[in-house]
Amino acid sequence: MIRTHFCNKTNFTTKFKKQKWKTIAINTFTLFPIRFLAVGSIMITAALYAQIPMFLYRETKLSNGDVAPLSKWRQILITPTGWMYRALLFACGFHWIKVTGKPASRKQAPIMVSNHVNMFETMYLAATHIPMSVAKAELKSIPLFRTMLQCSQSILVKREHHPCDKE
């Protein structure tokens, strides 16, 4: 029994039958490279496509200093990026995602707040809602993400520790 930092006790067991180990070995050498290439090609395609709506884009400021939203034609051109995120999820093995409940309309809930545990939740939200997100500023230094962050008008946050913060 291993005690994790959560309150529950977790049993970690790796007792697989021989057939399970064979399946894992076969998938490692066949399915993984195919998925890896699919994810890589979709990411590159999405990054290249994100440059189309951002062609000749200049950030304009409103009178209060905020950045103006993208024009309507640029927003329409961004729509296929949601399809690319869904293709990414499919390539990662999420072939069918069951959704329970009904989301509120943008008029009822103009702001969506979501805490995510991994990147798949972020990809799902990007595929279904194409939101403006908050991201760490370090992602802007990665060429693949730079145009996609600019295209989605992400709010980039510098995560620094203040001297007054308790550790």
Foldseek 3Di string as FASTA:
>chain_A
DDDDPDPDDDDDDDDDDPVVVVVVVVCVVPLVVQLVVQLVVLLQVLLVLLVVLCPVDDFDADPVGHTDDRDPVSVVSNLCSLVSLVSNCVSVPCVDDDDDDDDDDCVVPVDDDDDDDDCNVVSNCCNPPLAAEEEAQVQCVPSSCVSVNVSSVHHYDHDDDDPPDDD
